[in-house]
Protein backbone atom coordinates (compact mmCIF):
# COMPACT_ATOMS: atom_id res chain seq x y z
CA UNK A 1 16.97 5.55 -21.02
CA UNK A 2 13.72 6.00 -19.24
CA UNK A 3 13.49 4.58 -15.67
CA UNK A 4 10.73 3.58 -13.53
CA UNK A 5 11.40 6.71 -11.10
CA UNK A 6 11.12 8.93 -13.99
CA UNK A 7 7.70 7.16 -15.31
CA UNK A 8 6.38 7.32 -11.74
CA UNK A 9 7.40 10.96 -11.03
CA UNK A 10 6.00 12.33 -14.48
CA UNK A 11 3.00 10.11 -14.08
CA UNK A 12 3.59 8.61 -17.54
CA UNK A 13 1.08 5.99 -18.85
CA UNK A 14 1.64 2.70 -20.45
CA UNK A 15 -0.34 1.22 -23.31
CA UNK A 16 -1.95 -1.89 -23.93
CA UNK A 17 -3.37 -3.57 -27.11
CA UNK A 18 -4.89 -7.04 -26.95
CA UNK A 19 -2.37 -9.09 -25.02
CA UNK A 20 0.51 -6.44 -25.46
CA UNK A 21 1.56 -4.24 -22.72
CA UNK A 22 4.06 -1.34 -23.20
CA UNK A 23 5.67 0.11 -20.38
CA UNK A 24 7.34 3.70 -20.48
CA UNK A 25 10.49 2.35 -18.78
CA UNK A 26 13.23 -0.07 -19.48
CA UNK A 27 13.24 -2.78 -16.82
CA UNK A 28 13.71 -6.65 -15.89
CA UNK A 29 10.23 -8.06 -14.86
CA UNK A 30 10.91 -10.68 -12.14
CA UNK A 31 7.18 -11.25 -11.53
CA UNK A 32 3.61 -10.49 -12.62
CA UNK A 33 0.16 -11.06 -11.18
CA UNK A 34 -2.69 -10.93 -13.45
CA UNK A 35 -6.14 -11.88 -12.81
CA UNK A 36 -5.38 -15.06 -10.46
CA UNK A 37 -2.18 -15.98 -12.61
CA UNK A 38 1.19 -15.66 -11.17
CA UNK A 39 3.82 -15.56 -13.56
CA UNK A 40 7.76 -15.98 -12.87
CA UNK A 41 8.76 -17.62 -16.14
CA UNK A 42 9.26 -14.85 -18.81
CA UNK A 43 11.26 -17.14 -21.35
CA UNK A 44 10.32 -17.28 -25.05
CA UNK A 45 8.79 -20.68 -24.57
CA UNK A 46 6.88 -19.97 -21.59
CA UNK A 47 3.00 -20.14 -21.49
CA UNK A 48 2.34 -17.17 -19.37
CA UNK A 49 4.16 -14.17 -20.66
CA UNK A 50 7.27 -13.08 -22.38
CA UNK A 51 8.86 -9.61 -22.24
CA UNK A 52 11.40 -7.80 -24.43
CA UNK A 53 13.34 -4.63 -23.37
CA UNK A 54 13.85 -1.81 -25.95
CA UNK A 55 15.88 1.50 -25.75
CA UNK A 56 13.20 3.45 -24.34
CA UNK A 57 10.30 1.14 -23.17
CA UNK A 58 9.45 -2.51 -22.18
CA UNK A 59 6.88 -4.59 -24.04
CA UNK A 60 5.13 -7.54 -22.43
CA UNK A 61 3.10 -10.34 -24.08
CA UNK A 62 0.64 -12.03 -21.62
CA UNK A 63 -0.46 -15.10 -23.68
CA UNK A 64 -3.34 -16.52 -21.66
CA UNK A 65 -5.40 -13.43 -22.12
CA UNK A 66 -7.07 -12.03 -25.19
CA UNK A 67 -7.67 -8.48 -24.05
CA UNK A 68 -6.14 -6.94 -20.85
CA UNK A 69 -9.21 -4.66 -20.18
CA UNK A 70 -11.74 -7.58 -20.20
CA UNK A 71 -9.51 -9.78 -18.28
CA UNK A 72 -8.51 -7.24 -15.51
CA UNK A 73 -11.42 -6.25 -13.60
CA UNK A 74 -12.19 -2.81 -12.38
CA UNK A 75 -11.05 -3.55 -8.83
CA UNK A 76 -7.85 -5.35 -9.75
CA UNK A 77 -4.52 -4.44 -11.37
CA UNK A 78 -1.81 -6.12 -12.91
CA UNK A 79 0.93 -6.19 -10.34
CA UNK A 80 4.46 -6.41 -11.38
CA UNK A 81 7.79 -6.82 -9.54
CA UNK A 82 10.50 -4.85 -11.67
CA UNK A 83 13.91 -3.68 -11.51
CA UNK A 84 15.44 -0.78 -13.60
CA UNK A 85 17.76 -2.36 -16.12
CA UNK A 86 20.77 -0.66 -14.89
CA UNK A 87 20.36 -1.61 -11.13
CA UNK A 88 21.24 -4.78 -9.49
CA UNK A 89 18.38 -7.24 -9.45
CA UNK A 90 19.94 -9.27 -6.72
CA UNK A 91 19.58 -6.38 -4.32
CA UNK A 92 16.00 -6.50 -2.94
CA UNK A 93 16.20 -2.77 -2.45
CA UNK A 94 15.99 -2.54 -6.06
CA UNK A 95 12.80 -4.47 -6.41
CA UNK A 96 9.89 -2.28 -7.21
CA UNK A 97 6.25 -3.24 -6.72
CA UNK A 98 4.02 -1.33 -9.29
CA UNK A 99 0.80 -1.75 -10.59
CA UNK A 100 -0.76 -1.39 -13.93
CA UNK A 101 -4.49 -0.40 -14.12
CA UNK A 102 -6.22 -0.49 -17.75
CA UNK A 103 -8.29 2.37 -18.52
CA UNK A 104 -9.85 3.56 -21.62
CA UNK A 105 -8.35 4.20 -25.05
CA UNK A 106 -5.57 1.54 -24.56
CA UNK A 107 -3.95 3.47 -21.62
CA UNK A 108 -2.46 2.03 -18.46
CA UNK A 109 -2.04 3.94 -15.19
CA UNK A 110 1.04 3.11 -13.58
CA UNK A 111 1.51 3.66 -9.93
CA UNK A 112 3.87 2.16 -7.05
CA UNK A 113 2.12 -0.21 -4.54
CA UNK A 114 2.50 0.66 -1.06
CA UNK A 115 3.11 -1.78 1.94
CA UNK A 116 -0.41 -2.41 2.70
CA UNK A 117 -1.00 -4.12 -0.48
CA UNK A 118 -0.70 -7.88 -0.26
CA UNK A 119 1.78 -8.91 -2.70
CA UNK A 120 4.30 -11.67 -1.85
CA UNK A 121 7.55 -11.20 -3.34
């Protein structure tokens, strides 16, 4: 199974196609911030987003955004609070704050947010 640490250490990229984001690790998503939208409901009937975990990756669909590259500006990123699938999500030490920066050719640069980035958990 691919972990968040492994993806960050190996500088793996994510992918995006239209409203679909594919992450190179398996994780639960607790919160997403895209553009000016804060998403905390990822149920199948949610208006904002839905995610699904697979053996080696996690897939997210952002319903209110037609094209990730167009909706996320050059100076903004998609911000996520994620927890590795095998970790206890009720332990706040396991919550990881990451950002996804869409770049050319359907790729996402993945990085961990440091403490000086305002992102209320």
